[in-house]
PDB file of N, CA and C in Angstrom:
ATOM      1  N   MET A   1      -7.330 -33.134  24.623  1.00  0.00           N
ATOM      2  CA  MET A   1      -6.059 -32.582  24.171  1.00  0.00           C
ATOM      3  C   MET A   1      -5.024 -33.696  24.124  1.00  0.00           C
ATOM      4  N   ASN A   2      -4.167 -33.620  23.130  1.00  0.00           N
ATOM      5  CA  ASN A   2      -3.096 -34.600  23.076  1.00  0.00           C
ATOM      6  C   ASN A   2      -1.844 -34.050  23.765  1.00  0.00           C
ATOM      7  N   LEU A   3      -0.831 -34.871  23.888  1.00  0.00           N
ATOM      8  CA  LEU A   3       0.376 -34.522  24.617  1.00  0.00           C
ATOM      9  C   LEU A   3       1.076 -33.300  24.013  1.00  0.00           C
ATOM     10  N   VAL A   4       1.133 -33.222  22.698  1.00  0.00           N
ATOM     11  CA  VAL A   4       1.798 -32.085  22.050  1.00  0.00           C
ATOM     12  C   VAL A   4       1.094 -30.783  22.405  1.00  0.00           C
ATOM     13  N   GLU A   5      -0.221 -30.784  22.378  1.00  0.00           N
ATOM     14  CA  GLU A   5      -0.974 -29.576  22.729  1.00  0.00           C
ATOM     15  C   GLU A   5      -0.763 -29.199  24.189  1.00  0.00           C
ATOM     16  N   LEU A   6      -0.735 -30.187  25.060  1.00  0.00           N
ATOM     17  CA  LEU A   6      -0.499 -29.920  26.477  1.00  0.00           C
ATOM     18  C   LEU A   6       0.895 -29.347  26.719  1.00  0.00           C
ATOM     19  N   LEU A   7       1.899 -29.903  26.039  1.00  0.00           N
ATOM     20  CA  LEU A   7       3.258 -29.396  26.190  1.00  0.00           C
ATOM     21  C   LEU A   7       3.380 -27.972  25.672  1.00  0.00           C
ATOM     22  N   PHE A   8       2.726 -27.684  24.559  1.00  0.00           N
ATOM     23  CA  PHE A   8       2.769 -26.323  24.022  1.00  0.00           C
ATOM     24  C   PHE A   8       2.083 -25.354  24.980  1.00  0.00           C
ATOM     25  N   ASP A   9       0.956 -25.754  25.546  1.00  0.00           N
ATOM     26  CA  ASP A   9       0.266 -24.906  26.523  1.00  0.00           C
ATOM     27  C   ASP A   9       1.144 -24.649  27.744  1.00  0.00           C
ATOM     28  N   LEU A  10       1.846 -25.673  28.196  1.00  0.00           N
ATOM     29  CA  LEU A  10       2.759 -25.511  29.326  1.00  0.00           C
ATOM     30  C   LEU A  10       3.869 -24.528  28.976  1.00  0.00           C
ATOM     31  N   TYR A  11       4.456 -24.684  27.795  1.00  0.00           N
ATOM     32  CA  TYR A  11       5.514 -23.778  27.348  1.00  0.00           C
ATOM     33  C   TYR A  11       4.997 -22.340  27.283  1.00  0.00           C
ATOM     34  N   ALA A  12       3.828 -22.154  26.689  1.00  0.00           N
ATOM     35  CA  ALA A  12       3.255 -20.811  26.568  1.00  0.00           C
ATOM     36  C   ALA A  12       2.976 -20.212  27.945  1.00  0.00           C
ATOM     37  N   SER A  13       2.499 -21.025  28.871  1.00  0.00           N
ATOM     38  CA  SER A  13       2.203 -20.546  30.228  1.00  0.00           C
ATOM     39  C   SER A  13       3.473 -20.139  30.975  1.00  0.00           C
ATOM     40  N   LEU A  14       4.551 -20.852  30.735  1.00  0.00           N
ATOM     41  CA  LEU A  14       5.815 -20.528  31.394  1.00  0.00           C
ATOM     42  C   LEU A  14       6.530 -19.362  30.729  1.00  0.00           C
ATOM     43  N   ASN A  15       6.327 -19.192  29.440  1.00  0.00           N
ATOM     44  CA  ASN A  15       7.038 -18.165  28.693  1.00  0.00           C
ATOM     45  C   ASN A  15       6.605 -16.759  29.098  1.00  0.00           C
ATOM     46  N   VAL A  16       5.342 -16.577  29.429  1.00  0.00           N
ATOM     47  CA  VAL A  16       4.842 -15.248  29.800  1.00  0.00           C
ATOM     48  C   VAL A  16       5.556 -14.704  31.041  1.00  0.00           C
ATOM     49  N   PRO A  17       5.613 -15.446  32.159  1.00  0.00           N
ATOM     50  CA  PRO A  17       6.317 -14.884  33.323  1.00  0.00           C
ATOM     51  C   PRO A  17       7.824 -14.724  33.089  1.00  0.00           C
ATOM     52  N   LEU A  18       8.411 -15.583  32.249  1.00  0.00           N
ATOM     53  CA  LEU A  18       9.834 -15.427  31.945  1.00  0.00           C
ATOM     54  C   LEU A  18      10.082 -14.128  31.187  1.00  0.00           C
ATOM     55  N   LYS A  19       9.213 -13.810  30.235  1.00  0.00           N
ATOM     56  CA  LYS A  19       9.357 -12.558  29.486  1.00  0.00           C
ATOM     57  C   LYS A  19       9.150 -11.354  30.399  1.00  0.00           C
ATOM     58  N   LYS A  20       8.176 -11.444  31.305  1.00  0.00           N
ATOM     59  CA  LYS A  20       7.941 -10.344  32.243  1.00  0.00           C
ATOM     60  C   LYS A  20       9.146 -10.142  33.150  1.00  0.00           C
ATOM     61  N   ALA A  21       9.707 -11.230  33.651  1.00  0.00           N
ATOM     62  CA  ALA A  21      10.900 -11.137  34.500  1.00  0.00           C
ATOM     63  C   ALA A  21      12.061 -10.556  33.708  1.00  0.00           C
ATOM     64  N   GLY A  22      12.178 -10.958  32.455  1.00  0.00           N
ATOM     65  CA  GLY A  22      13.232 -10.419  31.606  1.00  0.00           C
ATOM     66  C   GLY A  22      13.082  -8.929  31.390  1.00  0.00           C
ATOM     67  N   ASN A  23      11.869  -8.484  31.154  1.00  0.00           N
ATOM     68  CA  ASN A  23      11.631  -7.050  30.952  1.00  0.00           C
ATOM     69  C   ASN A  23      11.998  -6.244  32.184  1.00  0.00           C
ATOM     70  N   ILE A  24      11.683  -6.765  33.360  1.00  0.00           N
ATOM     71  CA  ILE A  24      12.007  -6.063  34.607  1.00  0.00           C
ATOM     72  C   ILE A  24      13.520  -5.900  34.760  1.00  0.00           C
ATOM     73  N   HIS A  25      14.270  -6.927  34.365  1.00  0.00           N
ATOM     74  CA  HIS A  25      15.726  -6.919  34.554  1.00  0.00           C
ATOM     75  C   HIS A  25      16.486  -6.581  33.273  1.00  0.00           C
ATOM     76  N   ASN A  26      15.773  -6.139  32.246  1.00  0.00           N
ATOM     77  CA  ASN A  26      16.387  -5.781  30.966  1.00  0.00           C
ATOM     78  C   ASN A  26      17.145  -6.968  30.354  1.00  0.00           C
ATOM     79  N   LEU A  27      16.475  -8.124  30.352  1.00  0.00           N
ATOM     80  CA  LEU A  27      17.035  -9.357  29.804  1.00  0.00           C
ATOM     81  C   LEU A  27      16.034  -9.973  28.830  1.00  0.00           C
ATOM     82  N   THR A  28      16.535 -10.777  27.913  1.00  0.00           N
ATOM     83  CA  THR A  28      15.640 -11.544  27.045  1.00  0.00           C
ATOM     84  C   THR A  28      15.185 -12.788  27.805  1.00  0.00           C
ATOM     85  N   SER A  29      14.130 -13.415  27.311  1.00  0.00           N
ATOM     86  CA  SER A  29      13.671 -14.635  27.973  1.00  0.00           C
ATOM     87  C   SER A  29      14.735 -15.729  27.878  1.00  0.00           C
ATOM     88  N   SER A  30      15.490 -15.766  26.799  1.00  0.00           N
ATOM     89  CA  SER A  30      16.584 -16.741  26.670  1.00  0.00           C
ATOM     90  C   SER A  30      17.653 -16.516  27.734  1.00  0.00           C
ATOM     91  N   GLN A  31      17.944 -15.268  28.019  1.00  0.00           N
ATOM     92  CA  GLN A  31      18.933 -14.959  29.042  1.00  0.00           C
ATOM     93  C   GLN A  31      18.413 -15.309  30.429  1.00  0.00           C
ATOM     94  N   VAL A  32      17.118 -15.102  30.662  1.00  0.00           N
ATOM     95  CA  VAL A  32      16.513 -15.475  31.942  1.00  0.00           C
ATOM     96  C   VAL A  32      16.620 -16.983  32.139  1.00  0.00           C
ATOM     97  N   ILE A  33      16.270 -17.743  31.110  1.00  0.00           N
ATOM     98  CA  ILE A  33      16.351 -19.204  31.195  1.00  0.00           C
ATOM     99  C   ILE A  33      17.789 -19.640  31.440  1.00  0.00           C
ATOM    100  N   CYS A  34      18.722 -18.972  30.796  1.00  0.00           N
ATOM    101  CA  CYS A  34      20.143 -19.288  30.976  1.00  0.00           C
ATOM    102  C   CYS A  34      20.551 -19.052  32.437  1.00  0.00           C
ATOM    103  N   ILE A  35      20.162 -17.916  33.005  1.00  0.00           N
ATOM    104  CA  ILE A  35      20.494 -17.611  34.400  1.00  0.00           C
ATOM    105  C   ILE A  35      19.896 -18.651  35.339  1.00  0.00           C
ATOM    106  N   LEU A  36      18.646 -19.001  35.104  1.00  0.00           N
ATOM    107  CA  LEU A  36      17.978 -19.965  35.975  1.00  0.00           C
ATOM    108  C   LEU A  36      18.545 -21.375  35.836  1.00  0.00           C
ATOM    109  N   SER A  37      19.229 -21.657  34.727  1.00  0.00           N
ATOM    110  CA  SER A  37      19.770 -22.994  34.473  1.00  0.00           C
ATOM    111  C   SER A  37      21.180 -23.193  35.014  1.00  0.00           C
ATOM    112  N   ILE A  38      21.799 -22.124  35.460  1.00  0.00           N
ATOM    113  CA  ILE A  38      23.171 -22.228  35.971  1.00  0.00           C
ATOM    114  C   ILE A  38      23.114 -22.555  37.463  1.00  0.00           C
ATOM    115  N   PRO A  39      23.622 -23.723  37.861  1.00  0.00           N
ATOM    116  CA  PRO A  39      23.653 -24.061  39.289  1.00  0.00           C
ATOM    117  C   PRO A  39      24.580 -23.103  40.043  1.00  0.00           C
ATOM    118  N   PHE A  40      24.346 -22.940  41.334  1.00  0.00           N
ATOM    119  CA  PHE A  40      25.147 -22.002  42.123  1.00  0.00           C
ATOM    120  C   PHE A  40      26.613 -22.410  42.197  1.00  0.00           C
ATOM    121  N   ASP A  41      26.917 -23.696  42.020  1.00  0.00           N
ATOM    122  CA  ASP A  41      28.317 -24.126  42.025  1.00  0.00           C
ATOM    123  C   ASP A  41      28.911 -24.162  40.622  1.00  0.00           C
ATOM    124  N   GLY A  42      28.172 -23.683  39.611  1.00  0.00           N
ATOM    125  CA  GLY A  42      28.684 -23.580  38.248  1.00  0.00           C
ATOM    126  C   GLY A  42      28.395 -24.815  37.407  1.00  0.00           C
ATOM    127  N   ILE A  43      28.675 -24.684  36.113  1.00  0.00           N
ATOM    128  CA  ILE A  43      28.422 -25.746  35.150  1.00  0.00           C
ATOM    129  C   ILE A  43      29.341 -25.519  33.955  1.00  0.00           C
ATOM    130  N   SER A  44      29.731 -26.586  33.290  1.00  0.00           N
ATOM    131  CA  SER A  44      30.557 -26.409  32.102  1.00  0.00           C
ATOM    132  C   SER A  44      29.694 -25.823  30.985  1.00  0.00           C
ATOM    133  N   GLN A  45      30.324 -25.077  30.111  1.00  0.00           N
ATOM    134  CA  GLN A  45      29.590 -24.452  29.011  1.00  0.00           C
ATOM    135  C   GLN A  45      28.950 -25.512  28.116  1.00  0.00           C
ATOM    136  N   THR A  46      29.644 -26.611  27.895  1.00  0.00           N
ATOM    137  CA  THR A  46      29.107 -27.700  27.078  1.00  0.00           C
ATOM    138  C   THR A  46      27.877 -28.317  27.731  1.00  0.00           C
ATOM    139  N   ASP A  47      27.949 -28.560  29.041  1.00  0.00           N
ATOM    140  CA  ASP A  47      26.801 -29.135  29.745  1.00  0.00           C
ATOM    141  C   ASP A  47      25.617 -28.174  29.763  1.00  0.00           C
ATOM    142  N   LEU A  48      25.897 -26.880  29.891  1.00  0.00           N
ATOM    143  CA  LEU A  48      24.822 -25.891  29.886  1.00  0.00           C
ATOM    144  C   LEU A  48      24.142 -25.845  28.511  1.00  0.00           C
ATOM    145  N   ALA A  49      24.933 -25.902  27.450  1.00  0.00           N
ATOM    146  CA  ALA A  49      24.361 -25.916  26.101  1.00  0.00           C
ATOM    147  C   ALA A  49      23.492 -27.156  25.909  1.00  0.00           C
ATOM    148  N   ARG A  50      23.975 -28.287  26.397  1.00  0.00           N
ATOM    149  CA  ARG A  50      23.210 -29.536  26.301  1.00  0.00           C
ATOM    150  C   ARG A  50      21.918 -29.441  27.113  1.00  0.00           C
ATOM    151  N   LYS A  51      22.012 -28.882  28.314  1.00  0.00           N
ATOM    152  CA  LYS A  51      20.853 -28.746  29.203  1.00  0.00           C
ATOM    153  C   LYS A  51      19.781 -27.849  28.578  1.00  0.00           C
ATOM    154  N   LEU A  52      20.221 -26.784  27.910  1.00  0.00           N
ATOM    155  CA  LEU A  52      19.291 -25.845  27.292  1.00  0.00           C
ATOM    156  C   LEU A  52      18.859 -26.273  25.892  1.00  0.00           C
ATOM    157  N   GLY A  53      19.580 -27.213  25.311  1.00  0.00           N
ATOM    158  CA  GLY A  53      19.244 -27.679  23.969  1.00  0.00           C
ATOM    159  C   GLY A  53      19.570 -26.663  22.891  1.00  0.00           C
ATOM    160  N   VAL A  54      20.678 -25.936  23.065  1.00  0.00           N
ATOM    161  CA  VAL A  54      21.096 -24.939  22.083  1.00  0.00           C
ATOM    162  C   VAL A  54      22.527 -25.221  21.634  1.00  0.00           C
ATOM    163  N   ASP A  55      22.901 -24.658  20.496  1.00  0.00           N
ATOM    164  CA  ASP A  55      24.272 -24.775  20.008  1.00  0.00           C
ATOM    165  C   ASP A  55      25.208 -23.967  20.899  1.00  0.00           C
ATOM    166  N   LEU A  56      26.464 -24.373  20.933  1.00  0.00           N
ATOM    167  CA  LEU A  56      27.455 -23.640  21.720  1.00  0.00           C
ATOM    168  C   LEU A  56      27.573 -22.194  21.264  1.00  0.00           C
ATOM    169  N   SER A  57      27.480 -21.955  19.953  1.00  0.00           N
ATOM    170  CA  SER A  57      27.602 -20.584  19.443  1.00  0.00           C
ATOM    171  C   SER A  57      26.447 -19.709  19.920  1.00  0.00           C
ATOM    172  N   THR A  58      25.245 -20.260  19.955  1.00  0.00           N
ATOM    173  CA  THR A  58      24.085 -19.514  20.451  1.00  0.00           C
ATOM    174  C   THR A  58      24.253 -19.212  21.930  1.00  0.00           C
ATOM    175  N   LEU A  59      24.672 -20.206  22.686  1.00  0.00           N
ATOM    176  CA  LEU A  59      24.894 -20.008  24.111  1.00  0.00           C
ATOM    177  C   LEU A  59      25.992 -18.974  24.344  1.00  0.00           C
ATOM    178  N   SER A  60      27.060 -19.033  23.568  1.00  0.00           N
ATOM    179  CA  SER A  60      28.167 -18.087  23.723  1.00  0.00           C
ATOM    180  C   SER A  60      27.701 -16.649  23.536  1.00  0.00           C
ATOM    181  N   ARG A  61      26.838 -16.418  22.551  1.00  0.00           N
ATOM    182  CA  ARG A  61      26.328 -15.056  22.336  1.00  0.00           C
ATOM    183  C   ARG A  61      25.539 -14.581  23.555  1.00  0.00           C
ATOM    184  N   ASN A  62      24.678 -15.432  24.095  1.00  0.00           N
ATOM    185  CA  ASN A  62      23.916 -15.051  25.285  1.00  0.00           C
ATOM    186  C   ASN A  62      24.836 -14.851  26.484  1.00  0.00           C
ATOM    187  N   LEU A  63      25.805 -15.737  26.654  1.00  0.00           N
ATOM    188  CA  LEU A  63      26.731 -15.608  27.780  1.00  0.00           C
ATOM    189  C   LEU A  63      27.556 -14.335  27.680  1.00  0.00           C
ATOM    190  N   ASP A  64      27.991 -13.991  26.469  1.00  0.00           N
ATOM    191  CA  ASP A  64      28.776 -12.762  26.297  1.00  0.00           C
ATOM    192  C   ASP A  64      27.980 -11.541  26.745  1.00  0.00           C
ATOM    193  N   LYS A  65      26.694 -11.511  26.441  1.00  0.00           N
ATOM    194  CA  LYS A  65      25.845 -10.394  26.871  1.00  0.00           C
ATOM    195  C   LYS A  65      25.679 -10.393  28.389  1.00  0.00           C
ATOM    196  N   LEU A  66      25.554 -11.591  28.981  1.00  0.00           N
ATOM    197  CA  LEU A  66      25.425 -11.684  30.435  1.00  0.00           C
ATOM    198  C   LEU A  66      26.741 -11.347  31.135  1.00  0.00           C
ATOM    199  N   ILE A  67      27.855 -11.672  30.505  1.00  0.00           N
ATOM    200  CA  ILE A  67      29.168 -11.308  31.056  1.00  0.00           C
ATOM    201  C   ILE A  67      29.325  -9.793  31.035  1.00  0.00           C
ATOM    202  N   ASP A  68      28.903  -9.147  29.931  1.00  0.00           N
ATOM    203  CA  ASP A  68      28.976  -7.687  29.839  1.00  0.00           C
ATOM    204  C   ASP A  68      28.145  -7.014  30.929  1.00  0.00           C
ATOM    205  N   LYS A  69      27.068  -7.654  31.358  1.00  0.00           N
ATOM    206  CA  LYS A  69      26.210  -7.111  32.417  1.00  0.00           C
ATOM    207  C   LYS A  69      26.665  -7.559  33.797  1.00  0.00           C
ATOM    208  N   ASN A  70      27.787  -8.286  33.859  1.00  0.00           N
ATOM    209  CA  ASN A  70      28.364  -8.784  35.119  1.00  0.00           C
ATOM    210  C   ASN A  70      27.404  -9.718  35.866  1.00  0.00           C
ATOM    211  N   ILE A  71      26.655 -10.527  35.113  1.00  0.00           N
ATOM    212  CA  ILE A  71      25.717 -11.472  35.703  1.00  0.00           C
ATOM    213  C   ILE A  71      26.330 -12.865  35.805  1.00  0.00           C
ATOM    214  N   VAL A  72      27.129 -13.236  34.826  1.00  0.00           N
ATOM    215  CA  VAL A  72      27.830 -14.521  34.860  1.00  0.00           C
ATOM    216  C   VAL A  72      29.315 -14.293  34.614  1.00  0.00           C
ATOM    217  N   MET A  73      30.096 -15.287  35.005  1.00  0.00           N
ATOM    218  CA  MET A  73      31.531 -15.263  34.692  1.00  0.00           C
ATOM    219  C   MET A  73      31.910 -16.578  34.043  1.00  0.00           C
ATOM    220  N   LYS A  74      32.870 -16.481  33.178  1.00  0.00           N
ATOM    221  CA  LYS A  74      33.321 -17.621  32.385  1.00  0.00           C
ATOM    222  C   LYS A  74      34.804 -17.803  32.659  1.00  0.00           C
ATOM    223  N   THR A  75      35.165 -18.963  33.199  1.00  0.00           N
ATOM    224  CA  THR A  75      36.564 -19.236  33.517  1.00  0.00           C
ATOM    225  C   THR A  75      36.981 -20.558  32.894  1.00  0.00           C
ATOM    226  N   ARG A  76      38.250 -20.700  32.664  1.00  0.00           N
ATOM    227  CA  ARG A  76      38.770 -21.968  32.142  1.00  0.00           C
ATOM    228  C   ARG A  76      38.522 -23.067  33.152  1.00  0.00           C
ATOM    229  N   ALA A  77      38.102 -24.211  32.682  1.00  0.00           N
ATOM    230  CA  ALA A  77      37.863 -25.356  33.559  1.00  0.00           C
ATOM    231  C   ALA A  77      39.190 -25.885  34.081  1.00  0.00           C
ATOM    232  N   TYR A  78      39.177 -26.359  35.317  1.00  0.00           N
ATOM    233  CA  TYR A  78      40.407 -26.865  35.930  1.00  0.00           C
ATOM    234  C   TYR A  78      40.890 -28.145  35.256  1.00  0.00           C
ATOM    235  N   GLN A  79      39.964 -29.049  34.946  1.00  0.00           N
ATOM    236  CA  GLN A  79      40.337 -30.349  34.411  1.00  0.00           C
ATOM    237  C   GLN A  79      40.761 -30.282  32.943  1.00  0.00           C
ATOM    238  N   ASP A  80      40.142 -29.384  32.180  1.00  0.00           N
ATOM    239  CA  ASP A  80      40.389 -29.322  30.739  1.00  0.00           C
ATOM    240  C   ASP A  80      40.459 -27.861  30.330  1.00  0.00           C
ATOM    241  N   SER A  81      41.660 -27.394  30.008  1.00  0.00           N
ATOM    242  CA  SER A  81      41.838 -25.977  29.697  1.00  0.00           C
ATOM    243  C   SER A  81      41.171 -25.568  28.383  1.00  0.00           C
ATOM    244  N   ARG A  82      40.654 -26.533  27.623  1.00  0.00           N
ATOM    245  CA  ARG A  82      39.945 -26.206  26.383  1.00  0.00           C
ATOM    246  C   ARG A  82      38.498 -25.826  26.643  1.00  0.00           C
ATOM    247  N   SER A  83      37.973 -26.171  27.810  1.00  0.00           N
ATOM    248  CA  SER A  83      36.562 -25.895  28.104  1.00  0.00           C
ATOM    249  C   SER A  83      36.440 -24.797  29.155  1.00  0.00           C
ATOM    250  N   TYR A  84      35.228 -24.297  29.288  1.00  0.00           N
ATOM    251  CA  TYR A  84      34.952 -23.207  30.217  1.00  0.00           C
ATOM    252  C   TYR A  84      33.930 -23.633  31.260  1.00  0.00           C
ATOM    253  N   SER A  85      34.073 -23.032  32.422  1.00  0.00           N
ATOM    254  CA  SER A  85      33.107 -23.215  33.496  1.00  0.00           C
ATOM    255  C   SER A  85      32.318 -21.908  33.626  1.00  0.00           C
ATOM    256  N   ILE A  86      31.006 -22.039  33.713  1.00  0.00           N
ATOM    257  CA  ILE A  86      30.127 -20.881  33.804  1.00  0.00           C
ATOM    258  C   ILE A  86      29.538 -20.829  35.209  1.00  0.00           C
ATOM    259  N   SER A  87      29.596 -19.667  35.839  1.00  0.00           N
ATOM    260  CA  SER A  87      29.000 -19.509  37.159  1.00  0.00           C
ATOM    261  C   SER A  87      28.403 -18.112  37.280  1.00  0.00           C
ATOM    262  N   LEU A  88      27.518 -17.967  38.248  1.00  0.00           N
ATOM    263  CA  LEU A  88      26.866 -16.689  38.489  1.00  0.00           C
ATOM    264  C   LEU A  88      27.758 -15.796  39.349  1.00  0.00           C
ATOM    265  N   THR A  89      27.743 -14.505  39.072  1.00  0.00           N
ATOM    266  CA  THR A  89      28.406 -13.534  39.928  1.00  0.00           C
ATOM    267  C   THR A  89      27.456 -13.213  41.078  1.00  0.00           C
ATOM    268  N   GLU A  90      27.877 -12.346  41.977  1.00  0.00           N
ATOM    269  CA  GLU A  90      26.985 -11.917  43.064  1.00  0.00           C
ATOM    270  C   GLU A  90      25.738 -11.246  42.495  1.00  0.00           C
ATOM    271  N   ILE A  91      25.913 -10.438  41.456  1.00  0.00           N
ATOM    272  CA  ILE A  91      24.772  -9.795  40.803  1.00  0.00           C
ATOM    273  C   ILE A  91      23.869 -10.864  40.203  1.00  0.00           C
ATOM    274  N   GLY A  92      24.469 -11.885  39.578  1.00  0.00           N
ATOM    275  CA  GLY A  92      23.711 -12.963  38.974  1.00  0.00           C
ATOM    276  C   GLY A  92      22.926 -13.766  40.005  1.00  0.00           C
ATOM    277  N   ILE A  93      23.545 -14.035  41.139  1.00  0.00           N
ATOM    278  CA  ILE A  93      22.862 -14.760  42.218  1.00  0.00           C
ATOM    279  C   ILE A  93      21.682 -13.942  42.723  1.00  0.00           C
ATOM    280  N   ASN A  94      21.892 -12.633  42.854  1.00  0.00           N
ATOM    281  CA  ASN A  94      20.816 -11.743  43.294  1.00  0.00           C
ATOM    282  C   ASN A  94      19.671 -11.735  42.286  1.00  0.00           C
ATOM    283  N   GLN A  95      19.998 -11.622  40.994  1.00  0.00           N
ATOM    284  CA  GLN A  95      18.951 -11.623  39.970  1.00  0.00           C
ATOM    285  C   GLN A  95      18.256 -12.980  39.899  1.00  0.00           C
ATOM    286  N   HIS A  96      19.008 -14.056  40.079  1.00  0.00           N
ATOM    287  CA  HIS A  96      18.421 -15.396  40.083  1.00  0.00           C
ATOM    288  C   HIS A  96      17.345 -15.489  41.157  1.00  0.00           C
ATOM    289  N   SER A  97      17.644 -14.992  42.338  1.00  0.00           N
ATOM    290  CA  SER A  97      16.662 -15.075  43.425  1.00  0.00           C
ATOM    291  C   SER A  97      15.475 -14.138  43.191  1.00  0.00           C
ATOM    292  N   GLN A  98      15.693 -13.015  42.523  1.00  0.00           N
ATOM    293  CA  GLN A  98      14.602 -12.090  42.234  1.00  0.00           C
ATOM    294  C   GLN A  98      13.672 -12.629  41.157  1.00  0.00           C
ATOM    295  N   ILE A  99      14.240 -13.325  40.201  1.00  0.00           N
ATOM    296  CA  ILE A  99      13.427 -13.884  39.114  1.00  0.00           C
ATOM    297  C   ILE A  99      12.578 -15.004  39.655  1.00  0.00           C
TER     298      ILE A  99
END
């Protein structure tokens, strides 16, 4: 097997439990990955988009759904009022540990 095939197999192997965890918590696999990628002390929205390799608009749509479910909160960053800081709520921390 070459590296590309191995990486795809790894992705496929990881995607199955993420989808199962998402189904249990009524989340998409993208939302599960988003929750798992948010450090407990928070992260800027730009850094989270970079970490996940998605556009800010795509991340915003997922975050809006997670905000509606009270899993994450989005606040203005202290250093730069143009950017946002993303952090987990108590519900989000609980779901993070369950996933």
